[in-house]
Amino acid sequence: MRLYDGNVVADPTLITMPDGTVISNPKEEHLLAAGYLPYIASPETPSTFSISKLKLVRKLRELGLEVIFDAALAANPVWQKDFTLSSTLESDDPILIAALPVLATAADMTEAAAFELLYSVRA
């Protein structure tokens, strides 16, 4: 599969180069020169998902980040109360979204890595 003009297309067997030359069974360099980019489909990540609190705490413990997480909760009474009262966390929760960069910074990881950690413990 290729990405061409913003669309996903099957690998072409015949292409027209920018100079007008027509190439049959093009090689990778011809496809790239003609504007066909490699396309790799990524698995769909749901826009929202539930997060198991128990799985999250165990994963943080396994990674040596439980103390950092506990300190972040202790520093913000609203986060601590929500975490204590909830049975699961929702990925689109505004408090969780606000806490993610704090956790990432404290754990010396990117926000994307912190999000992947949350996604790995979805309920």
N, C-alpha and C. Protein backbone atom coordinates (compact mmCIF):
# COMPACT_ATOMS: atom_id res chain seq x y z
N MET A 1 0.84 -1.17 0.00
CA MET A 1 0.00 0.00 0.00
C MET A 1 0.89 1.24 0.00
N ARG A 2 0.36 2.28 -0.61
CA ARG A 2 1.08 3.54 -0.72
C ARG A 2 0.15 4.70 -0.37
N LEU A 3 0.75 5.81 -0.02
CA LEU A 3 0.02 7.04 0.20
C LEU A 3 0.33 7.94 -0.99
N TYR A 4 -0.71 8.34 -1.73
CA TYR A 4 -0.51 9.19 -2.91
C TYR A 4 -1.58 10.27 -2.91
N ASP A 5 -1.16 11.52 -2.94
CA ASP A 5 -2.09 12.66 -2.89
C ASP A 5 -3.04 12.56 -1.71
N GLY A 6 -2.55 12.08 -0.57
CA GLY A 6 -3.36 12.00 0.63
C GLY A 6 -4.29 10.80 0.69
N ASN A 7 -4.22 9.92 -0.31
CA ASN A 7 -5.08 8.74 -0.35
C ASN A 7 -4.25 7.47 -0.27
N VAL A 8 -4.81 6.46 0.36
CA VAL A 8 -4.15 5.15 0.42
C VAL A 8 -4.52 4.41 -0.86
N VAL A 9 -3.50 3.96 -1.59
CA VAL A 9 -3.72 3.25 -2.86
C VAL A 9 -2.89 1.97 -2.89
N ALA A 10 -3.31 1.05 -3.71
CA ALA A 10 -2.53 -0.18 -3.90
C ALA A 10 -1.23 0.16 -4.61
N ASP A 11 -0.20 -0.66 -4.43
CA ASP A 11 1.06 -0.42 -5.13
C ASP A 11 0.80 -0.41 -6.64
N PRO A 12 1.15 0.69 -7.31
CA PRO A 12 0.88 0.77 -8.74
C PRO A 12 1.87 -0.08 -9.56
N THR A 13 1.38 -0.60 -10.66
CA THR A 13 2.25 -1.36 -11.57
C THR A 13 2.68 -0.50 -12.74
N LEU A 14 2.07 0.67 -12.88
CA LEU A 14 2.38 1.60 -13.96
C LEU A 14 2.29 3.02 -13.39
N ILE A 15 3.37 3.80 -13.54
CA ILE A 15 3.35 5.17 -13.03
C ILE A 15 3.86 6.13 -14.09
N THR A 16 3.48 7.38 -13.94
CA THR A 16 3.99 8.45 -14.80
C THR A 16 4.87 9.34 -13.94
N MET A 17 6.12 9.48 -14.35
CA MET A 17 7.08 10.29 -13.62
C MET A 17 6.77 11.77 -13.86
N PRO A 18 7.29 12.66 -13.02
CA PRO A 18 7.05 14.09 -13.20
C PRO A 18 7.46 14.61 -14.58
N ASP A 19 8.47 13.98 -15.20
CA ASP A 19 8.91 14.44 -16.53
C ASP A 19 8.09 13.82 -17.67
N GLY A 20 7.06 13.02 -17.32
CA GLY A 20 6.20 12.42 -18.33
C GLY A 20 6.57 10.99 -18.71
N THR A 21 7.70 10.49 -18.24
CA THR A 21 8.13 9.13 -18.54
C THR A 21 7.19 8.15 -17.85
N VAL A 22 6.76 7.13 -18.59
CA VAL A 22 5.89 6.09 -18.03
C VAL A 22 6.77 4.89 -17.69
N ILE A 23 6.61 4.39 -16.47
CA ILE A 23 7.41 3.26 -16.01
C ILE A 23 6.49 2.12 -15.60
N SER A 24 6.79 0.94 -16.16
CA SER A 24 6.06 -0.26 -15.82
C SER A 24 6.82 -1.01 -14.73
N ASN A 25 6.11 -1.55 -13.76
CA ASN A 25 6.71 -2.25 -12.62
C ASN A 25 7.80 -1.40 -11.97
N PRO A 26 7.42 -0.24 -11.44
CA PRO A 26 8.41 0.69 -10.89
C PRO A 26 9.11 0.15 -9.65
N LYS A 27 10.36 0.56 -9.48
CA LYS A 27 11.13 0.24 -8.29
C LYS A 27 10.83 1.29 -7.22
N GLU A 28 11.31 1.03 -6.02
CA GLU A 28 11.05 1.93 -4.89
C GLU A 28 11.46 3.36 -5.19
N GLU A 29 12.63 3.57 -5.79
CA GLU A 29 13.09 4.94 -6.06
C GLU A 29 12.19 5.66 -7.06
N HIS A 30 11.60 4.90 -8.02
CA HIS A 30 10.67 5.50 -8.98
C HIS A 30 9.38 5.91 -8.28
N LEU A 31 8.89 5.02 -7.41
CA LEU A 31 7.65 5.32 -6.69
C LEU A 31 7.81 6.58 -5.83
N LEU A 32 8.94 6.67 -5.13
CA LEU A 32 9.18 7.84 -4.29
C LEU A 32 9.30 9.11 -5.13
N ALA A 33 10.02 9.02 -6.27
CA ALA A 33 10.18 10.19 -7.15
C ALA A 33 8.84 10.64 -7.74
N ALA A 34 7.92 9.70 -7.93
CA ALA A 34 6.62 10.03 -8.51
C ALA A 34 5.62 10.48 -7.43
N GLY A 35 6.03 10.49 -6.17
CA GLY A 35 5.16 10.98 -5.11
C GLY A 35 4.40 9.91 -4.35
N TYR A 36 4.71 8.63 -4.58
CA TYR A 36 4.07 7.54 -3.84
C TYR A 36 4.88 7.27 -2.58
N LEU A 37 4.29 7.53 -1.43
CA LEU A 37 4.99 7.34 -0.16
C LEU A 37 4.62 5.99 0.44
N PRO A 38 5.54 5.41 1.20
CA PRO A 38 5.20 4.15 1.88
C PRO A 38 4.04 4.40 2.85
N TYR A 39 3.17 3.45 2.97
CA TYR A 39 2.05 3.56 3.91
C TYR A 39 2.04 2.34 4.79
N ILE A 40 2.07 2.58 6.10
CA ILE A 40 1.99 1.50 7.07
C ILE A 40 0.79 1.81 7.96
N ALA A 41 -0.19 0.96 7.88
CA ALA A 41 -1.39 1.15 8.70
C ALA A 41 -1.04 0.90 10.15
N SER A 42 -1.49 1.77 11.03
CA SER A 42 -1.25 1.57 12.45
C SER A 42 -2.53 1.07 13.10
N PRO A 43 -2.38 0.28 14.14
CA PRO A 43 -3.58 -0.21 14.81
C PRO A 43 -4.37 0.98 15.36
N GLU A 44 -5.66 0.86 15.31
CA GLU A 44 -6.52 1.92 15.79
C GLU A 44 -6.44 2.00 17.32
N THR A 45 -6.22 3.20 17.81
CA THR A 45 -6.26 3.46 19.24
C THR A 45 -7.60 4.11 19.52
N PRO A 46 -8.40 3.53 20.37
CA PRO A 46 -9.69 4.16 20.65
C PRO A 46 -9.49 5.57 21.20
N SER A 47 -10.41 6.46 20.86
CA SER A 47 -10.27 7.83 21.32
C SER A 47 -10.41 7.94 22.83
N THR A 48 -11.25 7.09 23.42
CA THR A 48 -11.35 7.04 24.88
C THR A 48 -11.36 5.59 25.33
N PHE A 49 -10.86 5.37 26.51
CA PHE A 49 -10.83 4.02 27.06
C PHE A 49 -10.76 4.10 28.57
N SER A 50 -11.19 3.05 29.22
CA SER A 50 -11.13 2.97 30.68
C SER A 50 -9.79 2.40 31.10
N ILE A 51 -9.31 2.87 32.24
CA ILE A 51 -8.02 2.44 32.76
C ILE A 51 -8.24 1.78 34.11
N SER A 52 -7.72 0.58 34.25
CA SER A 52 -7.81 -0.14 35.51
C SER A 52 -6.84 0.47 36.52
N LYS A 53 -7.37 0.94 37.65
CA LYS A 53 -6.52 1.52 38.67
C LYS A 53 -5.53 0.50 39.21
N LEU A 54 -6.00 -0.72 39.45
CA LEU A 54 -5.12 -1.76 39.99
C LEU A 54 -3.99 -2.08 39.01
N LYS A 55 -4.34 -2.24 37.73
CA LYS A 55 -3.30 -2.51 36.72
C LYS A 55 -2.31 -1.35 36.62
N LEU A 56 -2.84 -0.12 36.73
CA LEU A 56 -1.97 1.06 36.66
C LEU A 56 -0.97 1.06 37.81
N VAL A 57 -1.46 0.86 39.03
CA VAL A 57 -0.56 0.88 40.20
C VAL A 57 0.47 -0.25 40.10
N ARG A 58 0.03 -1.43 39.68
CA ARG A 58 0.98 -2.54 39.54
C ARG A 58 2.03 -2.27 38.47
N LYS A 59 1.60 -1.66 37.35
CA LYS A 59 2.54 -1.33 36.28
C LYS A 59 3.54 -0.27 36.75
N LEU A 60 3.05 0.74 37.45
CA LEU A 60 3.93 1.78 37.99
C LEU A 60 4.93 1.18 38.97
N ARG A 61 4.46 0.26 39.80
CA ARG A 61 5.34 -0.43 40.76
C ARG A 61 6.42 -1.22 40.01
N GLU A 62 5.99 -1.94 38.99
CA GLU A 62 6.92 -2.74 38.18
C GLU A 62 8.00 -1.87 37.55
N LEU A 63 7.64 -0.65 37.14
CA LEU A 63 8.57 0.27 36.48
C LEU A 63 9.33 1.15 37.47
N GLY A 64 9.06 0.98 38.78
CA GLY A 64 9.71 1.80 39.78
C GLY A 64 9.18 3.23 39.83
N LEU A 65 7.95 3.43 39.38
CA LEU A 65 7.37 4.77 39.31
C LEU A 65 6.24 4.99 40.32
N GLU A 66 5.97 4.01 41.15
CA GLU A 66 4.85 4.13 42.10
C GLU A 66 5.07 5.29 43.07
N VAL A 67 6.27 5.47 43.54
CA VAL A 67 6.57 6.56 44.49
C VAL A 67 6.33 7.91 43.82
N ILE A 68 6.72 8.04 42.57
CA ILE A 68 6.51 9.29 41.83
C ILE A 68 5.01 9.56 41.67
N PHE A 69 4.26 8.52 41.34
CA PHE A 69 2.82 8.66 41.19
C PHE A 69 2.16 9.05 42.51
N ASP A 70 2.56 8.38 43.58
CA ASP A 70 2.02 8.70 44.91
C ASP A 70 2.31 10.15 45.29
N ALA A 71 3.51 10.63 44.98
CA ALA A 71 3.88 12.02 45.29
C ALA A 71 3.04 13.00 44.47
N ALA A 72 2.78 12.67 43.21
CA ALA A 72 1.94 13.54 42.37
C ALA A 72 0.53 13.60 42.93
N LEU A 73 0.00 12.46 43.37
CA LEU A 73 -1.33 12.45 43.97
C LEU A 73 -1.35 13.25 45.28
N ALA A 74 -0.34 13.06 46.10
CA ALA A 74 -0.29 13.75 47.39
C ALA A 74 -0.18 15.26 47.22
N ALA A 75 0.44 15.69 46.13
CA ALA A 75 0.63 17.13 45.89
C ALA A 75 -0.63 17.81 45.39
N ASN A 76 -1.63 17.02 44.96
CA ASN A 76 -2.86 17.60 44.44
C ASN A 76 -4.05 16.89 45.07
N PRO A 77 -4.68 17.52 46.06
CA PRO A 77 -5.78 16.86 46.76
C PRO A 77 -6.96 16.48 45.86
N VAL A 78 -7.21 17.26 44.81
CA VAL A 78 -8.31 16.94 43.89
C VAL A 78 -8.00 15.63 43.16
N TRP A 79 -6.76 15.51 42.65
CA TRP A 79 -6.38 14.27 41.95
C TRP A 79 -6.47 13.09 42.91
N GLN A 80 -5.97 13.29 44.14
CA GLN A 80 -5.96 12.20 45.12
C GLN A 80 -7.39 11.75 45.44
N LYS A 81 -8.30 12.69 45.63
CA LYS A 81 -9.67 12.34 45.96
C LYS A 81 -10.33 11.61 44.79
N ASP A 82 -10.15 12.12 43.57
CA ASP A 82 -10.73 11.46 42.41
C ASP A 82 -10.19 10.04 42.25
N PHE A 83 -8.88 9.89 42.45
CA PHE A 83 -8.28 8.56 42.31
C PHE A 83 -8.83 7.62 43.37
N THR A 84 -8.99 8.11 44.57
CA THR A 84 -9.50 7.29 45.68
C THR A 84 -10.95 6.87 45.44
N LEU A 85 -11.76 7.79 44.94
CA LEU A 85 -13.20 7.53 44.80
C LEU A 85 -13.57 6.75 43.54
N SER A 86 -12.75 6.80 42.53
CA SER A 86 -13.11 6.15 41.26
C SER A 86 -12.76 4.67 41.26
N SER A 87 -13.55 3.90 40.52
CA SER A 87 -13.22 2.47 40.37
C SER A 87 -12.33 2.27 39.14
N THR A 88 -12.56 3.08 38.12
CA THR A 88 -11.69 3.09 36.94
C THR A 88 -11.46 4.55 36.57
N LEU A 89 -10.47 4.77 35.74
CA LEU A 89 -10.19 6.11 35.23
C LEU A 89 -10.55 6.12 33.75
N GLU A 90 -10.98 7.26 33.26
CA GLU A 90 -11.30 7.40 31.83
C GLU A 90 -10.20 8.22 31.17
N SER A 91 -9.75 7.80 30.00
CA SER A 91 -8.63 8.45 29.33
C SER A 91 -8.93 9.90 28.94
N ASP A 92 -10.21 10.25 28.81
CA ASP A 92 -10.55 11.62 28.42
C ASP A 92 -10.90 12.50 29.62
N ASP A 93 -10.68 12.01 30.83
CA ASP A 93 -10.98 12.77 32.04
C ASP A 93 -10.04 13.98 32.11
N PRO A 94 -10.58 15.20 32.30
CA PRO A 94 -9.74 16.40 32.33
C PRO A 94 -8.65 16.36 33.40
N ILE A 95 -8.96 15.76 34.54
CA ILE A 95 -7.95 15.69 35.61
C ILE A 95 -6.82 14.75 35.20
N LEU A 96 -7.16 13.62 34.60
CA LEU A 96 -6.12 12.70 34.13
C LEU A 96 -5.28 13.36 33.04
N ILE A 97 -5.93 14.08 32.14
CA ILE A 97 -5.21 14.77 31.07
C ILE A 97 -4.25 15.80 31.66
N ALA A 98 -4.67 16.50 32.72
CA ALA A 98 -3.80 17.47 33.38
C ALA A 98 -2.66 16.79 34.13
N ALA A 99 -2.93 15.60 34.67
CA ALA A 99 -1.92 14.89 35.45
C ALA A 99 -0.86 14.21 34.58
N LEU A 100 -1.22 13.89 33.35
CA LEU A 100 -0.30 13.15 32.48
C LEU A 100 1.05 13.85 32.29
N PRO A 101 1.09 15.15 31.96
CA PRO A 101 2.39 15.80 31.80
C PRO A 101 3.18 15.88 33.11
N VAL A 102 2.48 15.99 34.23
CA VAL A 102 3.15 16.03 35.54
C VAL A 102 3.84 14.69 35.79
N LEU A 103 3.10 13.60 35.55
CA LEU A 103 3.68 12.27 35.72
C LEU A 103 4.85 12.06 34.76
N ALA A 104 4.66 12.46 33.51
CA ALA A 104 5.72 12.28 32.50
C ALA A 104 6.98 13.02 32.92
N THR A 105 6.84 14.26 33.34
CA THR A 105 8.00 15.05 33.75
C THR A 105 8.69 14.44 34.97
N ALA A 106 7.89 14.07 35.97
CA ALA A 106 8.46 13.50 37.19
C ALA A 106 9.15 12.16 36.92
N ALA A 107 8.62 11.40 35.95
CA ALA A 107 9.19 10.08 35.64
C ALA A 107 10.25 10.15 34.55
N ASP A 108 10.54 11.37 34.07
CA ASP A 108 11.53 11.59 33.02
C ASP A 108 11.20 10.78 31.77
N MET A 109 9.94 10.90 31.33
CA MET A 109 9.50 10.23 30.11
C MET A 109 8.71 11.23 29.28
N THR A 110 8.50 10.92 28.03
CA THR A 110 7.69 11.79 27.19
C THR A 110 6.22 11.60 27.54
N GLU A 111 5.41 12.58 27.17
CA GLU A 111 3.97 12.44 27.39
C GLU A 111 3.43 11.26 26.57
N ALA A 112 3.98 11.05 25.38
CA ALA A 112 3.55 9.93 24.55
C ALA A 112 3.84 8.60 25.25
N ALA A 113 5.00 8.50 25.90
CA ALA A 113 5.34 7.28 26.64
C ALA A 113 4.41 7.10 27.83
N ALA A 114 4.06 8.21 28.49
CA ALA A 114 3.13 8.13 29.62
C ALA A 114 1.75 7.69 29.15
N PHE A 115 1.33 8.20 27.99
CA PHE A 115 0.04 7.79 27.43
C PHE A 115 0.07 6.30 27.07
N GLU A 116 1.15 5.83 26.49
CA GLU A 116 1.29 4.41 26.15
C GLU A 116 1.21 3.55 27.41
N LEU A 117 1.80 4.05 28.50
CA LEU A 117 1.71 3.33 29.77
C LEU A 117 0.25 3.21 30.19
N LEU A 118 -0.50 4.32 30.10
CA LEU A 118 -1.93 4.28 30.45
C LEU A 118 -2.69 3.33 29.54
N TYR A 119 -2.38 3.39 28.24
CA TYR A 119 -3.08 2.53 27.28
C TYR A 119 -2.80 1.06 27.56
N SER A 120 -1.61 0.77 28.06
CA SER A 120 -1.23 -0.62 28.33
C SER A 120 -2.01 -1.22 29.50
N VAL A 121 -2.61 -0.38 30.33
CA VAL A 121 -3.36 -0.88 31.49
C VAL A 121 -4.86 -0.58 31.36
N ARG A 122 -5.32 -0.47 30.13
CA ARG A 122 -6.76 -0.20 29.95
C ARG A 122 -7.57 -1.36 30.51
N ALA A 123 -8.75 -1.04 30.98
CA ALA A 123 -9.61 -2.03 31.62
C ALA A 123 -10.25 -2.96 30.59
